[in-house]
C-alpha atoms as a PDB file:
ATOM      1  CA  MET A   1     -73.000  15.587 -13.538  1.00  0.00           C
ATOM      2  CA  THR A   2     -73.361  11.779 -13.501  1.00  0.00           C
ATOM      3  CA  ASP A   3     -71.669   9.188 -15.578  1.00  0.00           C
ATOM      4  CA  ASP A   4     -74.954   8.749 -17.313  1.00  0.00           C
ATOM      5  CA  ASP A   5     -75.052  12.160 -18.407  1.00  0.00           C
ATOM      6  CA  PHE A   6     -71.564  11.929 -20.184  1.00  0.00           C
ATOM      7  CA  ALA A   7     -72.944   8.530 -21.712  1.00  0.00           C
ATOM      8  CA  VAL A   8     -75.885  10.641 -23.228  1.00  0.00           C
ATOM      9  CA  ILE A   9     -73.283  13.426 -24.464  1.00  0.00           C
ATOM     10  CA  GLY A  10     -71.208  10.396 -26.106  1.00  0.00           C
ATOM     11  CA  ALA A  11     -74.688   8.757 -27.837  1.00  0.00           C
ATOM     12  CA  LEU A  12     -75.486  12.089 -29.435  1.00  0.00           C
ATOM     13  CA  ALA A  13     -71.508  12.864 -30.512  1.00  0.00           C
ATOM     14  CA  ASP A  14     -72.385  10.665 -33.606  1.00  0.00           C
ATOM     15  CA  PRO A  15     -73.606  12.791 -36.308  1.00  0.00           C
ATOM     16  CA  ALA A  16     -75.802   9.961 -37.705  1.00  0.00           C
ATOM     17  CA  ARG A  17     -77.102   9.191 -34.392  1.00  0.00           C
ATOM     18  CA  ARG A  18     -77.761  12.842 -33.724  1.00  0.00           C
ATOM     19  CA  ALA A  19     -79.820  12.894 -36.983  1.00  0.00           C
ATOM     20  CA  LEU A  20     -81.939  10.043 -36.385  1.00  0.00           C
ATOM     21  CA  TYR A  21     -82.735  11.415 -32.771  1.00  0.00           C
ATOM     22  CA  ARG A  22     -83.756  14.746 -34.191  1.00  0.00           C
ATOM     23  CA  TYR A  23     -85.995  12.738 -36.746  1.00  0.00           C
ATOM     24  CA  VAL A  24     -87.612  10.410 -33.980  1.00  0.00           C
ATOM     25  CA  ALA A  25     -88.102  13.641 -31.708  1.00  0.00           C
ATOM     26  CA  ALA A  26     -89.699  15.841 -34.307  1.00  0.00           C
ATOM     27  CA  SER A  27     -92.176  12.787 -35.617  1.00  0.00           C
ATOM     28  CA  THR A  28     -95.840  13.377 -34.256  1.00  0.00           C
ATOM     29  CA  SER A  29     -96.271   9.332 -34.106  1.00  0.00           C
ATOM     30  CA  PRO A  30     -93.550   6.595 -33.369  1.00  0.00           C
ATOM     31  CA  VAL A  31     -91.556   5.823 -36.287  1.00  0.00           C
ATOM     32  CA  SER A  32     -90.266   2.544 -37.909  1.00  0.00           C
ATOM     33  CA  ARG A  33     -86.668   1.516 -38.621  1.00  0.00           C
ATOM     34  CA  ASP A  34     -87.519   1.644 -42.232  1.00  0.00           C
ATOM     35  CA  GLN A  35     -88.868   5.205 -41.842  1.00  0.00           C
ATOM     36  CA  ALA A  36     -85.918   6.623 -40.103  1.00  0.00           C
ATOM     37  CA  ALA A  37     -83.583   4.776 -42.459  1.00  0.00           C
ATOM     38  CA  GLU A  38     -85.326   6.610 -45.571  1.00  0.00           C
ATOM     39  CA  ASP A  39     -85.266  10.049 -43.834  1.00  0.00           C
ATOM     40  CA  VAL A  40     -81.753   9.880 -42.911  1.00  0.00           C
ATOM     41  CA  GLY A  41     -80.320   8.255 -45.824  1.00  0.00           C
ATOM     42  CA  LEU A  42     -78.445   5.187 -44.086  1.00  0.00           C
ATOM     43  CA  ALA A  43     -78.974   1.390 -44.289  1.00  0.00           C
ATOM     44  CA  ARG A  44     -81.804  -0.457 -42.151  1.00  0.00           C
ATOM     45  CA  HIS A  45     -78.908  -2.382 -40.202  1.00  0.00           C
ATOM     46  CA  THR A  46     -76.957   0.769 -39.581  1.00  0.00           C
ATOM     47  CA  VAL A  47     -80.137   2.672 -38.053  1.00  0.00           C
ATOM     48  CA  LYS A  48     -81.252  -0.365 -36.260  1.00  0.00           C
ATOM     49  CA  PHE A  49     -77.634   0.052 -34.361  1.00  0.00           C
ATOM     50  CA  HIS A  50     -78.316   3.537 -33.833  1.00  0.00           C
ATOM     51  CA  LEU A  51     -81.515   3.734 -32.769  1.00  0.00           C
ATOM     52  CA  ASP A  52     -81.195   0.799 -30.340  1.00  0.00           C
ATOM     53  CA  ARG A  53     -78.018   2.890 -28.854  1.00  0.00           C
ATOM     54  CA  LEU A  54     -80.330   5.878 -28.178  1.00  0.00           C
ATOM     55  CA  VAL A  55     -83.111   3.491 -26.341  1.00  0.00           C
ATOM     56  CA  ASP A  56     -80.144   2.150 -24.147  1.00  0.00           C
ATOM     57  CA  GLU A  57     -78.920   5.669 -23.195  1.00  0.00           C
ATOM     58  CA  GLY A  58     -82.604   6.419 -22.361  1.00  0.00           C
ATOM     59  CA  LEU A  59     -83.145   8.955 -25.275  1.00  0.00           C
ATOM     60  CA  LEU A  60     -85.896   7.028 -26.928  1.00  0.00           C
ATOM     61  CA  GLU A  61     -88.441   4.427 -25.911  1.00  0.00           C
ATOM     62  CA  THR A  62     -90.081   1.627 -28.171  1.00  0.00           C
ATOM     63  CA  GLU A  63     -93.458  -0.014 -28.609  1.00  0.00           C
ATOM     64  CA  TYR A  64     -94.491  -2.714 -30.904  1.00  0.00           C
ATOM     65  CA  ARG A  65     -97.567  -2.282 -33.633  1.00  0.00           C
ATOM     66  CA  ARG A  66     -98.654  -3.639 -36.771  1.00  0.00           C
ATOM     67  CA  LEU A  67     -98.560  -0.781 -39.325  1.00  0.00           C
ATOM     68  CA  SER A  68    -100.857  -2.235 -41.717  1.00  0.00           C
ATOM     69  CA  GLY A  69    -103.691  -2.366 -38.975  1.00  0.00           C
ATOM     70  CA  ARG A  70    -104.647  -5.922 -39.550  1.00  0.00           C
ATOM     71  CA  ARG A  71    -105.049  -8.445 -37.077  1.00  0.00           C
ATOM     72  CA  GLY A  72    -105.080 -12.027 -36.698  1.00  0.00           C
ATOM     73  CA  PRO A  73    -103.556 -14.824 -38.743  1.00  0.00           C
ATOM     74  CA  GLY A  74    -101.379 -13.356 -41.756  1.00  0.00           C
ATOM     75  CA  ALA A  75    -101.310 -10.023 -40.128  1.00  0.00           C
ATOM     76  CA  GLY A  76     -97.486 -10.205 -39.831  1.00  0.00           C
ATOM     77  CA  ARG A  77     -95.435  -9.453 -37.137  1.00  0.00           C
ATOM     78  CA  PRO A  78     -95.465  -6.281 -35.222  1.00  0.00           C
ATOM     79  CA  ALA A  79     -93.022  -3.421 -36.248  1.00  0.00           C
ATOM     80  CA  LYS A  80     -90.713  -2.026 -33.499  1.00  0.00           C
ATOM     81  CA  LEU A  81     -91.546   1.646 -33.235  1.00  0.00           C
ATOM     82  CA  TYR A  82     -89.503   4.364 -31.653  1.00  0.00           C
ATOM     83  CA  ARG A  83     -90.427   7.515 -30.146  1.00  0.00           C
ATOM     84  CA  ARG A  84     -88.790  10.290 -28.005  1.00  0.00           C
ATOM     85  CA  SER A  85     -88.349   9.556 -24.249  1.00  0.00           C
ATOM     86  CA  ALA A  86     -89.994  11.383 -21.737  1.00  0.00           C
ATOM     87  CA  ARG A  87     -87.176  11.210 -19.519  1.00  0.00           C
ATOM     88  CA  GLU A  88     -85.224  14.959 -19.401  1.00  0.00           C
ATOM     89  CA  PHE A  89     -81.636  15.398 -19.706  1.00  0.00           C
ATOM     90  CA  ASP A  90     -79.926  18.641 -18.785  1.00  0.00           C
ATOM     91  CA  VAL A  91     -76.369  18.996 -19.405  1.00  0.00           C
ATOM     92  CA  THR A  92     -74.360  22.208 -18.573  1.00  0.00           C
ATOM     93  CA  LEU A  93     -70.617  22.673 -18.139  1.00  0.00           C
ATOM     94  CA  PRO A  94     -69.943  23.867 -15.256  1.00  0.00           C
ATOM     95  CA  GLU A  95     -72.885  22.237 -13.755  1.00  0.00           C
ATOM     96  CA  ARG A  96     -76.021  24.616 -13.360  1.00  0.00           C
ATOM     97  CA  HIS A  97     -79.326  23.625 -11.674  1.00  0.00           C
ATOM     98  CA  TYR A  98     -81.896  26.514 -13.104  1.00  0.00           C
ATOM     99  CA  ASP A  99     -84.489  23.916 -12.560  1.00  0.00           C
ATOM    100  CA  LEU A 100     -83.936  23.942  -8.994  1.00  0.00           C
ATOM    101  CA  ALA A 101     -84.082  27.609  -8.736  1.00  0.00           C
ATOM    102  CA  GLY A 102     -87.128  27.689 -11.076  1.00  0.00           C
ATOM    103  CA  GLN A 103     -89.009  25.359  -8.443  1.00  0.00           C
ATOM    104  CA  ILE A 104     -87.823  27.660  -5.486  1.00  0.00           C
ATOM    105  CA  LEU A 105     -89.019  30.955  -7.224  1.00  0.00           C
ATOM    106  CA  ALA A 106     -92.290  29.468  -8.790  1.00  0.00           C
ATOM    107  CA  GLU A 107     -93.143  28.444  -4.968  1.00  0.00           C
ATOM    108  CA  ALA A 108     -91.899  31.827  -3.682  1.00  0.00           C
ATOM    109  CA  VAL A 109     -94.357  33.584  -6.192  1.00  0.00           C
ATOM    110  CA  GLU A 110     -97.327  31.489  -5.330  1.00  0.00           C
ATOM    111  CA  THR A 111     -96.778  31.950  -1.549  1.00  0.00           C
ATOM    112  CA  ALA A 112     -96.541  35.835  -2.123  1.00  0.00           C
ATOM    113  CA  VAL A 113     -99.877  35.728  -4.131  1.00  0.00           C
ATOM    114  CA  GLU A 114    -101.677  33.520  -2.182  1.00  0.00           C
ATOM    115  CA  ARG A 115    -100.815  34.687   1.275  1.00  0.00           C
ATOM    116  CA  GLY A 116     -99.643  38.259   0.456  1.00  0.00           C
ATOM    117  CA  VAL A 117     -96.411  38.145   1.863  1.00  0.00           C
ATOM    118  CA  GLU A 118     -93.104  40.128   0.440  1.00  0.00           C
ATOM    119  CA  VAL A 119     -91.574  38.567  -2.374  1.00  0.00           C
ATOM    120  CA  ARG A 120     -88.374  38.154  -0.685  1.00  0.00           C
ATOM    121  CA  GLU A 121     -89.675  36.646   2.398  1.00  0.00           C
ATOM    122  CA  ALA A 122     -91.418  34.158   0.106  1.00  0.00           C
ATOM    123  CA  VAL A 123     -88.008  33.198  -1.464  1.00  0.00           C
ATOM    124  CA  ARG A 124     -86.505  32.548   1.937  1.00  0.00           C
ATOM    125  CA  ASP A 125     -88.946  30.339   3.147  1.00  0.00           C
ATOM    126  CA  ALA A 126     -89.259  28.399  -0.295  1.00  0.00           C
ATOM    127  CA  ALA A 127     -85.445  28.002  -0.508  1.00  0.00           C
ATOM    128  CA  ALA A 128     -85.223  26.715   3.128  1.00  0.00           C
ATOM    129  CA  ALA A 129     -88.109  24.380   2.469  1.00  0.00           C
ATOM    130  CA  GLN A 130     -86.115  23.123  -0.625  1.00  0.00           C
ATOM    131  CA  GLY A 131     -83.133  22.859   1.687  1.00  0.00           C
ATOM    132  CA  PHE A 132     -84.665  20.679   4.039  1.00  0.00           C
ATOM    133  CA  ARG A 133     -86.131  18.421   1.063  1.00  0.00           C
ATOM    134  CA  LEU A 134     -82.872  17.948  -0.120  1.00  0.00           C
ATOM    135  CA  ALA A 135     -81.126  17.117   2.932  1.00  0.00           C
ATOM    136  CA  THR A 136     -83.950  14.376   3.772  1.00  0.00           C
ATOM    137  CA  ALA A 137     -83.606  12.781   0.234  1.00  0.00           C
ATOM    138  CA  ALA A 138     -79.981  12.536   0.739  1.00  0.00           C
ATOM    139  CA  ALA A 139     -79.753  11.604   4.489  1.00  0.00           C
ATOM    140  CA  GLY A 140     -76.892   9.587   5.438  1.00  0.00           C
ATOM    141  CA  ALA A 141     -74.800  10.770   2.148  1.00  0.00           C
ATOM    142  CA  PRO A 142     -71.320  12.588   3.179  1.00  0.00           C
ATOM    143  CA  LEU A 143     -71.755  16.508   2.804  1.00  0.00           C
ATOM    144  CA  GLU A 144     -69.154  16.931   0.213  1.00  0.00           C
ATOM    145  CA  ASP A 145     -71.365  14.201  -2.197  1.00  0.00           C
ATOM    146  CA  VAL A 146     -74.590  16.181  -1.508  1.00  0.00           C
ATOM    147  CA  LEU A 147     -72.874  19.548  -2.286  1.00  0.00           C
ATOM    148  CA  ALA A 148     -71.413  18.257  -5.429  1.00  0.00           C
ATOM    149  CA  GLY A 149     -74.662  16.614  -6.635  1.00  0.00           C
ATOM    150  CA  LEU A 150     -76.139  20.077  -6.551  1.00  0.00           C
ATOM    151  CA  GLY A 151     -73.539  21.527  -8.523  1.00  0.00           C
ATOM    152  CA  TYR A 152     -71.402  23.412  -5.888  1.00  0.00           C
ATOM    153  CA  GLU A 153     -68.071  22.218  -6.467  1.00  0.00           C
ATOM    154  CA  PRO A 154     -67.071  21.810  -2.787  1.00  0.00           C
ATOM    155  CA  ARG A 155     -63.244  22.433  -2.018  1.00  0.00           C
ATOM    156  CA  PRO A 156     -61.756  22.125   1.440  1.00  0.00           C
ATOM    157  CA  ALA A 157     -60.172  25.141   2.471  1.00  0.00           C
ATOM    158  CA  GLY A 158     -58.368  24.420   5.648  1.00  0.00           C
ATOM    159  CA  GLN A 159     -61.302  23.601   8.359  1.00  0.00           C
ATOM    160  CA  ASN A 160     -64.046  25.442   5.836  1.00  0.00           C
ATOM    161  CA  TYR A 161     -65.423  24.503   2.551  1.00  0.00           C
ATOM    162  CA  VAL A 162     -65.199  26.975  -0.406  1.00  0.00           C
ATOM    163  CA  LEU A 163     -67.821  26.368  -2.938  1.00  0.00           C
ATOM    164  CA  GLY A 164     -66.409  26.549  -6.490  1.00  0.00           C
ATOM    165  CA  ASN A 165     -69.226  26.709  -8.487  1.00  0.00           C
ATOM    166  CA  CYS A 166     -72.653  28.402  -8.480  1.00  0.00           C
ATOM    167  CA  PRO A 167     -75.606  26.341  -9.563  1.00  0.00           C
ATOM    168  CA  PHE A 168     -77.837  29.263 -10.566  1.00  0.00           C
ATOM    169  CA  HIS A 169     -74.736  31.257 -12.196  1.00  0.00           C
ATOM    170  CA  ARG A 170     -76.714  33.413 -15.027  1.00  0.00           C
ATOM    171  CA  LEU A 171     -79.460  34.305 -12.501  1.00  0.00           C
ATOM    172  CA  ALA A 172     -76.686  35.465  -9.865  1.00  0.00           C
ATOM    173  CA  ALA A 173     -75.170  37.629 -12.371  1.00  0.00           C
ATOM    174  CA  THR A 174     -78.227  39.649 -13.022  1.00  0.00           C
ATOM    175  CA  HIS A 175     -79.954  39.311  -9.774  1.00  0.00           C
ATOM    176  CA  THR A 176     -77.060  38.976  -7.310  1.00  0.00           C
ATOM    177  CA  ALA A 177     -78.822  39.917  -3.857  1.00  0.00           C
ATOM    178  CA  LEU A 178     -81.795  37.693  -4.426  1.00  0.00           C
ATOM    179  CA  VAL A 179     -79.751  34.603  -5.813  1.00  0.00           C
ATOM    180  CA  CYS A 180     -77.181  35.101  -3.069  1.00  0.00           C
ATOM    181  CA  GLY A 181     -79.664  34.961  -0.367  1.00  0.00           C
ATOM    182  CA  MET A 182     -81.533  31.818  -1.979  1.00  0.00           C
ATOM    183  CA  ASN A 183     -78.145  30.277  -1.908  1.00  0.00           C
ATOM    184  CA  LEU A 184     -77.657  31.248   1.596  1.00  0.00           C
ATOM    185  CA  ASP A 185     -81.052  30.049   2.931  1.00  0.00           C
ATOM    186  CA  LEU A 186     -80.904  26.681   0.860  1.00  0.00           C
ATOM    187  CA  LEU A 187     -77.681  25.797   2.181  1.00  0.00           C
ATOM    188  CA  THR A 188     -78.510  26.946   5.919  1.00  0.00           C
ATOM    189  CA  ALA A 189     -81.644  24.768   6.084  1.00  0.00           C
ATOM    190  CA  LEU A 190     -79.661  22.020   4.529  1.00  0.00           C
ATOM    191  CA  LEU A 191     -77.096  22.116   6.958  1.00  0.00           C
ATOM    192  CA  ASP A 192     -79.401  22.405  10.035  1.00  0.00           C
ATOM    193  CA  GLN A 193     -81.945  19.299   8.653  1.00  0.00           C
ATOM    194  CA  ARG A 194     -78.485  17.230   8.397  1.00  0.00           C
ATOM    195  CA  GLY A 195     -77.802  18.369  11.985  1.00  0.00           C
ATOM    196  CA  GLN A 196     -74.454  19.531  11.087  1.00  0.00           C
ATOM    197  CA  THR A 197     -74.277  22.091  13.565  1.00  0.00           C
ATOM    198  CA  GLY A 198     -70.210  22.291  13.385  1.00  0.00           C
ATOM    199  CA  VAL A 199     -70.642  23.868   9.968  1.00  0.00           C
ATOM    200  CA  ARG A 200     -72.489  27.235   9.278  1.00  0.00           C
ATOM    201  CA  ALA A 201     -72.991  28.788   5.886  1.00  0.00           C
ATOM    202  CA  SER A 202     -72.099  32.448   5.201  1.00  0.00           C
ATOM    203  CA  LEU A 203     -71.986  35.126   2.403  1.00  0.00           C
ATOM    204  CA  ALA A 204     -68.581  35.850   1.478  1.00  0.00           C
ATOM    205  CA  PRO A 205     -68.389  36.815  -2.165  1.00  0.00           C
ATOM    206  CA  ALA A 206     -65.732  36.501  -4.268  1.00  0.00           C
ATOM    207  CA  PRO A 207     -65.188  36.097  -8.205  1.00  0.00           C
ATOM    208  CA  GLY A 208     -65.000  32.764  -9.635  1.00  0.00           C
ATOM    209  CA  ARG A 209     -67.308  30.755  -7.182  1.00  0.00           C
ATOM    210  CA  CYS A 210     -70.317  30.604  -5.192  1.00  0.00           C
ATOM    211  CA  CYS A 211     -71.494  33.798  -2.849  1.00  0.00           C
ATOM    212  CA  VAL A 212     -71.702  31.292  -0.124  1.00  0.00           C
ATOM    213  CA  VAL A 213     -68.945  29.608   2.249  1.00  0.00           C
ATOM    214  CA  LEU A 214     -69.177  26.703   4.908  1.00  0.00           C
ATOM    215  CA  GLN A 215     -67.239  27.756   7.884  1.00  0.00           C
ATOM    216  CA  ARG A 216     -66.379  25.931  11.020  1.00  0.00           C
ATOM    217  CA  PRO A 217     -67.231  28.437  13.828  1.00  0.00           C
ATOM    218  CA  ASP A 218     -64.081  29.479  15.687  1.00  0.00           C
END
């Protein structure tokens, strides 16, 4: 999880700010400061501060429009309006990446249907393809940083790496064989694409961590 994610959590920790965000998010059209102040029962200058903080954190977006609909001289200045941002935030502790699992499984289902292949084979291929893409996107970054960014929490164990967190934890608890195999195929492809022949991914399930470990061959 990045510093930006923690900043978002902090922005919504304030009850007034949280109420304003909920009001704007529930509105079918952009809202003005006066509308927001009336709904949450706060002073306009307080609402301005909180709304602009939500904009700074990427939770809201703004536009300017004359609410009267009039144009030309005498129409007045356009009002600053707020709407929910299209940016997505997914904050979980420990860090999870169910969106990544969803991408892999959706791609696998499409492949299985279109090509008539067995589902587990399609999942293996989709996980490997995702591993290649992730390695390419993070080319040049240290392996530990790449793994940490995916939520695996790599921990050196001698010459090996133990992965302290499974980013697909809830899925792994109910579909263990499928998800552990998906982790293995994704990480194997990631290592191959990075050209890290001195490290291999292997299954070594244990409580409280990912079922995959990264080992250096003897």
